[in-house]
């Protein structure tokens, strides 16, 4: 996706972010949304989902052969999640920095996991790790008609 400001092309990308059941249960979804908004990203998709086993297994299919796959699927289907699509310049890499390291104890203060997480098995949030992953995860969780196309008034204040 691209748009133009003062005849300059800005390339935007989309990323998938999910507040996991522990984050929803702890009431942290609003805080996560606020951090992404404060960063300047545009929310283009949002829904609260009770995840089916089939969707959980598809989402975490890359880990199917790992010993923790079963418990990971059970955890993700244990309570609702907040699924989101965020858009912005460098959204994928920037989201990963906002989220922090997989192990909350190794996450820097100021990251979501660093500020709110304690245990690697309850690390609050998932974010796409690459462009291909983001595209496939967005397509898995959202239909095209569930994604909003809109232009925030802050755009010219974010990008030169």
N, C-alpha and C. Protein backbone atom coordinates (compact mmCIF):
# COMPACT_ATOMS: atom_id res chain seq x y z
N UNK A 1 0.85 -1.16 0.00
CA UNK A 1 0.00 0.00 0.00
C UNK A 1 0.90 1.23 0.00
N UNK A 2 0.51 2.22 -0.77
CA UNK A 2 1.28 3.46 -0.85
C UNK A 2 0.33 4.65 -0.89
N UNK A 3 0.79 5.77 -0.37
CA UNK A 3 0.05 7.02 -0.54
C UNK A 3 1.07 8.12 -0.72
N UNK A 4 0.61 9.29 -1.12
CA UNK A 4 1.51 10.38 -1.44
C UNK A 4 1.24 11.58 -0.53
N UNK A 5 2.30 12.18 -0.03
CA UNK A 5 2.22 13.42 0.71
C UNK A 5 3.16 14.38 0.01
N UNK A 6 2.62 15.50 -0.42
CA UNK A 6 3.43 16.51 -1.10
C UNK A 6 4.29 15.89 -2.20
N UNK A 7 3.69 15.01 -2.97
CA UNK A 7 4.33 14.36 -4.12
C UNK A 7 5.42 13.36 -3.72
N UNK A 8 5.46 12.97 -2.48
CA UNK A 8 6.44 11.98 -2.04
C UNK A 8 5.70 10.69 -1.70
N UNK A 9 6.15 9.58 -2.24
CA UNK A 9 5.49 8.31 -1.98
C UNK A 9 5.94 7.74 -0.63
N UNK A 10 4.96 7.32 0.15
CA UNK A 10 5.22 6.67 1.43
C UNK A 10 4.69 5.24 1.31
N UNK A 11 5.54 4.26 1.53
CA UNK A 11 5.14 2.86 1.46
C UNK A 11 4.76 2.40 2.87
N UNK A 12 3.53 1.94 3.00
CA UNK A 12 3.05 1.45 4.29
C UNK A 12 2.94 -0.07 4.24
N UNK A 13 3.11 -0.68 5.39
CA UNK A 13 2.90 -2.12 5.47
C UNK A 13 1.92 -2.41 6.60
N UNK A 14 1.38 -3.61 6.53
CA UNK A 14 0.43 -4.05 7.55
C UNK A 14 1.04 -5.20 8.34
N UNK A 15 0.65 -5.27 9.60
CA UNK A 15 1.09 -6.37 10.45
C UNK A 15 -0.06 -6.87 11.29
N UNK A 16 0.02 -8.13 11.67
CA UNK A 16 -0.99 -8.76 12.53
C UNK A 16 -0.48 -8.75 13.96
N UNK A 17 -1.35 -8.35 14.87
CA UNK A 17 -1.03 -8.34 16.30
C UNK A 17 -2.21 -8.99 17.03
N UNK A 18 -1.90 -9.82 18.01
CA UNK A 18 -2.95 -10.48 18.79
C UNK A 18 -2.64 -10.34 20.27
N UNK A 19 -3.60 -9.83 21.03
CA UNK A 19 -3.50 -9.86 22.48
C UNK A 19 -4.01 -11.25 22.88
N UNK A 20 -3.14 -12.03 23.49
CA UNK A 20 -3.44 -13.41 23.82
C UNK A 20 -4.41 -13.48 25.02
N UNK A 21 -4.91 -14.68 25.33
CA UNK A 21 -5.88 -14.81 26.42
C UNK A 21 -5.43 -14.21 27.76
N UNK A 22 -4.16 -14.33 28.09
CA UNK A 22 -3.69 -13.77 29.36
C UNK A 22 -3.76 -12.25 29.36
N UNK A 23 -3.47 -11.63 28.22
CA UNK A 23 -3.57 -10.17 28.12
C UNK A 23 -5.00 -9.69 28.19
N UNK A 24 -5.92 -10.43 27.55
CA UNK A 24 -7.34 -10.08 27.60
C UNK A 24 -7.85 -10.26 29.03
N UNK A 25 -7.54 -11.39 29.65
CA UNK A 25 -7.99 -11.66 31.02
C UNK A 25 -7.47 -10.63 32.01
N UNK A 26 -6.29 -10.10 31.77
CA UNK A 26 -5.70 -9.11 32.67
C UNK A 26 -6.12 -7.68 32.33
N UNK A 27 -6.96 -7.51 31.31
CA UNK A 27 -7.47 -6.18 30.95
C UNK A 27 -6.43 -5.29 30.29
N UNK A 28 -5.51 -5.87 29.52
CA UNK A 28 -4.42 -5.10 28.93
C UNK A 28 -4.64 -4.75 27.45
N UNK A 29 -5.75 -5.19 26.85
CA UNK A 29 -5.97 -4.92 25.43
C UNK A 29 -6.00 -3.42 25.14
N UNK A 30 -6.66 -2.65 25.97
CA UNK A 30 -6.71 -1.20 25.75
C UNK A 30 -5.34 -0.56 25.83
N UNK A 31 -4.52 -1.04 26.74
CA UNK A 31 -3.17 -0.51 26.87
C UNK A 31 -2.35 -0.82 25.62
N UNK A 32 -2.50 -2.03 25.09
CA UNK A 32 -1.79 -2.41 23.87
C UNK A 32 -2.22 -1.51 22.71
N UNK A 33 -3.52 -1.33 22.56
CA UNK A 33 -4.04 -0.47 21.49
C UNK A 33 -3.49 0.94 21.65
N UNK A 34 -3.50 1.46 22.86
CA UNK A 34 -3.01 2.82 23.11
C UNK A 34 -1.55 2.97 22.71
N UNK A 35 -0.73 1.96 22.97
CA UNK A 35 0.68 2.04 22.61
C UNK A 35 0.89 2.08 21.10
N UNK A 36 0.12 1.27 20.37
CA UNK A 36 0.24 1.27 18.91
C UNK A 36 -0.28 2.59 18.33
N UNK A 37 -1.35 3.11 18.89
CA UNK A 37 -1.86 4.40 18.42
C UNK A 37 -0.86 5.51 18.72
N UNK A 38 -0.29 5.50 19.91
CA UNK A 38 0.68 6.54 20.29
C UNK A 38 1.91 6.49 19.39
N UNK A 39 2.26 5.31 18.92
CA UNK A 39 3.40 5.16 18.01
C UNK A 39 3.10 5.78 16.65
N UNK A 40 1.81 5.91 16.33
CA UNK A 40 1.43 6.51 15.06
C UNK A 40 0.87 5.53 14.06
N UNK A 41 0.65 4.29 14.46
CA UNK A 41 0.09 3.31 13.55
C UNK A 41 -1.42 3.48 13.42
N UNK A 42 -1.93 3.03 12.30
CA UNK A 42 -3.35 3.13 12.01
C UNK A 42 -3.98 1.75 12.19
N UNK A 43 -5.03 1.68 12.99
CA UNK A 43 -5.76 0.45 13.21
C UNK A 43 -6.72 0.24 12.03
N UNK A 44 -6.55 -0.87 11.32
CA UNK A 44 -7.41 -1.14 10.17
C UNK A 44 -8.28 -2.38 10.35
N UNK A 45 -8.02 -3.15 11.41
CA UNK A 45 -8.83 -4.32 11.71
C UNK A 45 -8.77 -4.62 13.19
N UNK A 46 -9.94 -4.96 13.77
CA UNK A 46 -10.00 -5.24 15.21
C UNK A 46 -11.20 -6.12 15.50
N UNK A 47 -10.97 -7.21 16.24
CA UNK A 47 -12.09 -8.03 16.69
C UNK A 47 -11.70 -8.89 17.89
N UNK A 48 -12.69 -9.14 18.73
CA UNK A 48 -12.56 -10.06 19.86
C UNK A 48 -12.99 -11.42 19.35
N UNK A 49 -12.14 -12.42 19.52
CA UNK A 49 -12.38 -13.73 18.93
C UNK A 49 -12.26 -14.83 19.97
N UNK A 50 -13.26 -15.70 20.01
CA UNK A 50 -13.12 -16.97 20.72
C UNK A 50 -12.54 -17.93 19.68
N UNK A 51 -11.29 -18.28 19.85
CA UNK A 51 -10.53 -18.99 18.82
C UNK A 51 -10.91 -20.46 18.77
N UNK A 52 -11.20 -20.94 17.57
CA UNK A 52 -11.47 -22.36 17.38
C UNK A 52 -10.15 -23.13 17.40
N UNK A 53 -10.24 -24.40 17.69
CA UNK A 53 -9.04 -25.25 17.67
C UNK A 53 -8.42 -25.25 16.27
N UNK A 54 -9.26 -25.32 15.24
CA UNK A 54 -8.76 -25.32 13.86
C UNK A 54 -7.97 -24.06 13.55
N UNK A 55 -8.49 -22.88 13.93
CA UNK A 55 -7.79 -21.63 13.68
C UNK A 55 -6.48 -21.58 14.47
N UNK A 56 -6.51 -22.01 15.72
CA UNK A 56 -5.30 -22.01 16.54
C UNK A 56 -4.23 -22.92 15.93
N UNK A 57 -4.63 -24.09 15.47
CA UNK A 57 -3.68 -25.02 14.85
C UNK A 57 -3.12 -24.47 13.54
N UNK A 58 -3.94 -23.77 12.78
CA UNK A 58 -3.45 -23.15 11.55
C UNK A 58 -2.47 -22.03 11.88
N UNK A 59 -2.84 -21.19 12.84
CA UNK A 59 -2.00 -20.04 13.19
C UNK A 59 -0.62 -20.49 13.68
N UNK A 60 -0.60 -21.50 14.53
CA UNK A 60 0.67 -21.99 15.09
C UNK A 60 1.20 -23.22 14.37
N UNK A 61 0.77 -23.44 13.13
CA UNK A 61 1.18 -24.61 12.36
C UNK A 61 2.68 -24.78 12.21
N UNK A 62 3.41 -23.68 12.21
CA UNK A 62 4.87 -23.74 12.08
C UNK A 62 5.50 -24.49 13.27
N UNK A 63 4.78 -24.54 14.39
CA UNK A 63 5.30 -25.22 15.59
C UNK A 63 4.73 -26.63 15.77
N UNK A 64 4.04 -27.14 14.77
CA UNK A 64 3.31 -28.40 14.90
C UNK A 64 4.17 -29.56 15.42
N UNK A 65 5.42 -29.62 15.04
CA UNK A 65 6.29 -30.73 15.45
C UNK A 65 6.99 -30.47 16.79
N UNK A 66 6.79 -29.33 17.36
CA UNK A 66 7.46 -29.01 18.62
C UNK A 66 6.67 -29.55 19.81
N UNK A 67 7.34 -29.87 20.90
CA UNK A 67 6.65 -30.49 22.05
C UNK A 67 5.62 -29.56 22.72
N UNK A 68 5.76 -28.27 22.56
CA UNK A 68 4.84 -27.33 23.21
C UNK A 68 3.61 -26.99 22.37
N UNK A 69 3.50 -27.54 21.16
CA UNK A 69 2.41 -27.20 20.25
C UNK A 69 1.03 -27.42 20.89
N UNK A 70 0.82 -28.58 21.47
CA UNK A 70 -0.48 -28.90 22.08
C UNK A 70 -0.88 -27.94 23.18
N UNK A 71 0.06 -27.64 24.06
CA UNK A 71 -0.26 -26.73 25.17
C UNK A 71 -0.45 -25.30 24.66
N UNK A 72 0.26 -24.92 23.60
CA UNK A 72 0.08 -23.59 23.02
C UNK A 72 -1.32 -23.46 22.42
N UNK A 73 -1.75 -24.47 21.69
CA UNK A 73 -3.10 -24.45 21.12
C UNK A 73 -4.14 -24.39 22.24
N UNK A 74 -3.98 -25.21 23.26
CA UNK A 74 -4.92 -25.21 24.39
C UNK A 74 -4.99 -23.83 25.05
N UNK A 75 -3.86 -23.19 25.19
CA UNK A 75 -3.83 -21.86 25.80
C UNK A 75 -4.57 -20.84 24.94
N UNK A 76 -4.33 -20.84 23.64
CA UNK A 76 -4.93 -19.83 22.76
C UNK A 76 -6.45 -20.01 22.67
N UNK A 77 -6.95 -21.22 22.82
CA UNK A 77 -8.41 -21.43 22.76
C UNK A 77 -9.06 -21.32 24.14
N UNK A 78 -8.28 -21.08 25.19
CA UNK A 78 -8.81 -21.07 26.56
C UNK A 78 -9.67 -19.86 26.90
N UNK A 79 -9.52 -18.77 26.17
CA UNK A 79 -10.28 -17.54 26.42
C UNK A 79 -10.17 -16.67 25.17
N UNK A 80 -10.99 -15.64 25.06
CA UNK A 80 -10.93 -14.80 23.86
C UNK A 80 -9.58 -14.10 23.68
N UNK A 81 -9.31 -13.75 22.43
CA UNK A 81 -8.14 -12.96 22.06
C UNK A 81 -8.63 -11.71 21.34
N UNK A 82 -7.79 -10.70 21.28
CA UNK A 82 -8.08 -9.50 20.49
C UNK A 82 -7.15 -9.55 19.28
N UNK A 83 -7.74 -9.72 18.11
CA UNK A 83 -6.99 -9.79 16.86
C UNK A 83 -7.03 -8.42 16.19
N UNK A 84 -5.86 -7.96 15.72
CA UNK A 84 -5.77 -6.62 15.13
C UNK A 84 -4.88 -6.62 13.90
N UNK A 85 -5.13 -5.66 13.04
CA UNK A 85 -4.25 -5.36 11.92
C UNK A 85 -3.89 -3.89 12.03
N UNK A 86 -2.59 -3.63 12.06
CA UNK A 86 -2.06 -2.27 12.16
C UNK A 86 -1.32 -1.93 10.89
N UNK A 87 -1.36 -0.67 10.50
CA UNK A 87 -0.72 -0.22 9.28
C UNK A 87 0.16 0.99 9.56
N UNK A 88 1.32 1.01 8.90
CA UNK A 88 2.22 2.15 9.03
C UNK A 88 3.55 1.87 8.38
N UNK A 89 4.37 2.88 8.32
CA UNK A 89 5.72 2.74 7.76
C UNK A 89 6.55 1.89 8.73
N UNK A 90 7.10 0.80 8.21
CA UNK A 90 7.89 -0.10 9.05
C UNK A 90 7.11 -0.78 10.15
N UNK A 91 5.82 -1.02 9.91
CA UNK A 91 4.93 -1.53 10.96
C UNK A 91 5.38 -2.87 11.55
N UNK A 92 5.90 -3.76 10.72
CA UNK A 92 6.25 -5.09 11.22
C UNK A 92 7.42 -5.02 12.19
N UNK A 93 8.52 -4.42 11.78
CA UNK A 93 9.70 -4.32 12.65
C UNK A 93 9.40 -3.46 13.88
N UNK A 94 8.69 -2.39 13.69
CA UNK A 94 8.39 -1.50 14.80
C UNK A 94 7.48 -2.17 15.83
N UNK A 95 6.51 -2.93 15.33
CA UNK A 95 5.62 -3.66 16.24
C UNK A 95 6.41 -4.66 17.07
N UNK A 96 7.35 -5.34 16.45
CA UNK A 96 8.17 -6.31 17.20
C UNK A 96 8.95 -5.63 18.31
N UNK A 97 9.43 -4.41 18.04
CA UNK A 97 10.15 -3.66 19.08
C UNK A 97 9.22 -3.24 20.20
N UNK A 98 8.01 -2.80 19.85
CA UNK A 98 7.02 -2.43 20.87
C UNK A 98 6.65 -3.62 21.74
N UNK A 99 6.55 -4.79 21.12
CA UNK A 99 6.15 -6.00 21.83
C UNK A 99 7.24 -6.48 22.78
N UNK A 100 8.48 -6.52 22.33
CA UNK A 100 9.59 -7.00 23.17
C UNK A 100 9.93 -8.45 22.91
N UNK A 101 10.97 -8.92 23.57
CA UNK A 101 11.46 -10.29 23.40
C UNK A 101 10.41 -11.31 23.83
N UNK A 102 10.47 -12.49 23.23
CA UNK A 102 9.51 -13.56 23.53
C UNK A 102 9.45 -13.85 25.03
N UNK A 103 10.60 -13.91 25.67
CA UNK A 103 10.65 -14.12 27.12
C UNK A 103 10.53 -12.76 27.79
N UNK A 104 9.44 -12.51 28.51
CA UNK A 104 9.26 -11.21 29.16
C UNK A 104 10.41 -10.81 30.09
N UNK A 105 11.08 -11.80 30.68
CA UNK A 105 12.19 -11.48 31.58
C UNK A 105 13.40 -10.96 30.83
N UNK A 106 13.43 -11.15 29.51
CA UNK A 106 14.51 -10.64 28.67
C UNK A 106 14.08 -9.40 27.88
N UNK A 107 12.84 -8.97 28.08
CA UNK A 107 12.30 -7.81 27.36
C UNK A 107 12.67 -6.52 28.06
N UNK A 108 13.01 -5.53 27.27
CA UNK A 108 13.41 -4.23 27.82
C UNK A 108 12.21 -3.52 28.45
N UNK A 109 12.48 -2.76 29.51
CA UNK A 109 11.43 -1.89 30.04
C UNK A 109 10.96 -0.95 28.93
N UNK A 110 9.67 -0.66 28.93
CA UNK A 110 9.10 0.17 27.88
C UNK A 110 8.45 -0.65 26.77
N UNK A 111 8.77 -1.95 26.70
CA UNK A 111 8.08 -2.83 25.77
C UNK A 111 6.85 -3.40 26.47
N UNK A 112 5.92 -3.91 25.70
CA UNK A 112 4.70 -4.48 26.29
C UNK A 112 5.05 -5.66 27.18
N UNK A 113 5.84 -6.59 26.68
CA UNK A 113 6.22 -7.75 27.49
C UNK A 113 7.13 -7.36 28.65
N UNK A 114 8.01 -6.39 28.43
CA UNK A 114 8.90 -5.95 29.50
C UNK A 114 8.16 -5.27 30.63
N UNK A 115 7.10 -4.55 30.31
CA UNK A 115 6.34 -3.84 31.34
C UNK A 115 5.28 -4.70 32.02
N UNK A 116 4.70 -5.68 31.30
CA UNK A 116 3.56 -6.41 31.85
C UNK A 116 3.76 -7.91 31.98
N UNK A 117 4.78 -8.47 31.32
CA UNK A 117 4.95 -9.92 31.32
C UNK A 117 5.88 -10.42 32.40
N UNK A 118 5.68 -11.67 32.78
CA UNK A 118 6.52 -12.31 33.80
C UNK A 118 7.02 -13.67 33.33
N UNK A 119 6.17 -14.40 32.59
CA UNK A 119 6.46 -15.79 32.24
C UNK A 119 6.41 -15.98 30.72
N UNK A 120 7.34 -16.74 30.18
CA UNK A 120 7.39 -16.96 28.73
C UNK A 120 6.11 -17.63 28.22
N UNK A 121 5.50 -18.47 29.02
CA UNK A 121 4.26 -19.14 28.62
C UNK A 121 3.04 -18.26 28.68
N UNK A 122 3.19 -17.09 29.27
CA UNK A 122 2.10 -16.11 29.37
C UNK A 122 2.68 -14.76 28.96
N UNK A 123 3.05 -14.65 27.69
CA UNK A 123 3.77 -13.46 27.24
C UNK A 123 2.88 -12.43 26.54
N UNK A 124 1.56 -12.53 26.75
CA UNK A 124 0.59 -11.47 26.49
C UNK A 124 0.20 -11.19 25.05
N UNK A 125 1.14 -11.30 24.12
CA UNK A 125 0.91 -10.72 22.80
C UNK A 125 1.68 -11.47 21.72
N UNK A 126 1.11 -11.48 20.53
CA UNK A 126 1.77 -12.04 19.36
C UNK A 126 1.85 -10.96 18.30
N UNK A 127 2.96 -10.93 17.57
CA UNK A 127 3.09 -10.02 16.44
C UNK A 127 3.80 -10.72 15.30
N UNK A 128 3.37 -10.46 14.08
CA UNK A 128 4.01 -11.05 12.90
C UNK A 128 5.49 -10.72 12.88
N UNK A 129 6.29 -11.69 12.42
CA UNK A 129 7.75 -11.51 12.44
C UNK A 129 8.36 -11.15 11.09
N UNK A 130 7.57 -11.18 10.01
CA UNK A 130 8.08 -10.87 8.68
C UNK A 130 6.92 -10.52 7.76
N UNK A 131 7.23 -9.94 6.61
CA UNK A 131 6.18 -9.53 5.68
C UNK A 131 5.32 -10.70 5.21
N UNK A 132 5.95 -11.83 4.88
CA UNK A 132 5.19 -13.00 4.42
C UNK A 132 4.29 -13.52 5.52
N UNK A 133 4.81 -13.58 6.74
CA UNK A 133 4.03 -14.03 7.89
C UNK A 133 2.86 -13.10 8.13
N UNK A 134 3.11 -11.80 8.07
CA UNK A 134 2.04 -10.82 8.29
C UNK A 134 0.92 -11.02 7.27
N UNK A 135 1.27 -11.17 6.02
CA UNK A 135 0.26 -11.36 4.98
C UNK A 135 -0.57 -12.61 5.23
N UNK A 136 0.09 -13.71 5.57
CA UNK A 136 -0.65 -14.97 5.78
C UNK A 136 -1.49 -14.91 7.06
N UNK A 137 -0.96 -14.30 8.12
CA UNK A 137 -1.72 -14.20 9.36
C UNK A 137 -2.93 -13.27 9.20
N UNK A 138 -2.75 -12.16 8.52
CA UNK A 138 -3.87 -11.26 8.28
C UNK A 138 -4.96 -11.98 7.49
N UNK A 139 -4.57 -12.70 6.44
CA UNK A 139 -5.54 -13.44 5.62
C UNK A 139 -6.22 -14.56 6.42
N UNK A 140 -5.51 -15.15 7.36
CA UNK A 140 -6.08 -16.21 8.19
C UNK A 140 -7.12 -15.68 9.16
N UNK A 141 -6.87 -14.52 9.73
CA UNK A 141 -7.73 -13.97 10.79
C UNK A 141 -8.80 -13.00 10.30
N UNK A 142 -8.57 -12.37 9.14
CA UNK A 142 -9.49 -11.33 8.65
C UNK A 142 -9.83 -11.55 7.19
N UNK A 143 -11.10 -11.32 6.85
CA UNK A 143 -11.47 -11.26 5.43
C UNK A 143 -11.21 -9.83 4.98
N UNK A 144 -11.10 -9.64 3.69
CA UNK A 144 -10.79 -8.31 3.15
C UNK A 144 -11.84 -7.28 3.56
N UNK A 145 -13.11 -7.68 3.63
CA UNK A 145 -14.16 -6.73 3.99
C UNK A 145 -14.17 -6.38 5.48
N UNK A 146 -13.36 -7.04 6.28
CA UNK A 146 -13.23 -6.70 7.70
C UNK A 146 -12.13 -5.67 7.95
N UNK A 147 -11.41 -5.29 6.92
CA UNK A 147 -10.33 -4.32 7.05
C UNK A 147 -10.79 -2.96 6.52
N UNK A 148 -10.63 -1.95 7.34
CA UNK A 148 -11.09 -0.61 6.98
C UNK A 148 -10.01 0.16 6.22
N UNK A 149 -10.45 0.88 5.22
CA UNK A 149 -9.55 1.75 4.48
C UNK A 149 -9.94 3.19 4.84
N UNK A 150 -9.05 3.89 5.52
CA UNK A 150 -9.35 5.25 5.95
C UNK A 150 -8.06 6.02 6.11
N UNK A 151 -8.16 7.31 6.16
CA UNK A 151 -6.98 8.16 6.27
C UNK A 151 -7.08 9.03 7.52
N UNK A 152 -6.24 8.78 8.52
CA UNK A 152 -6.27 9.61 9.72
C UNK A 152 -5.76 11.03 9.44
N UNK A 153 -6.28 11.98 10.16
CA UNK A 153 -5.84 13.36 9.97
C UNK A 153 -4.40 13.58 10.43
N UNK A 154 -3.84 12.64 11.17
CA UNK A 154 -2.47 12.77 11.67
C UNK A 154 -1.40 12.38 10.63
N UNK A 155 -1.80 11.80 9.52
CA UNK A 155 -0.83 11.31 8.54
C UNK A 155 0.25 12.31 8.17
N UNK A 156 -0.11 13.56 7.81
CA UNK A 156 0.98 14.49 7.44
C UNK A 156 1.88 14.88 8.60
N UNK A 157 1.44 14.59 9.82
CA UNK A 157 2.26 14.91 11.01
C UNK A 157 3.17 13.75 11.38
N UNK A 158 2.99 12.62 10.73
CA UNK A 158 3.80 11.43 10.99
C UNK A 158 4.91 11.23 9.96
N UNK A 159 4.60 11.55 8.71
CA UNK A 159 5.50 11.23 7.62
C UNK A 159 5.88 12.50 6.88
N UNK A 160 7.18 12.65 6.56
CA UNK A 160 7.60 13.81 5.79
C UNK A 160 7.65 13.50 4.32
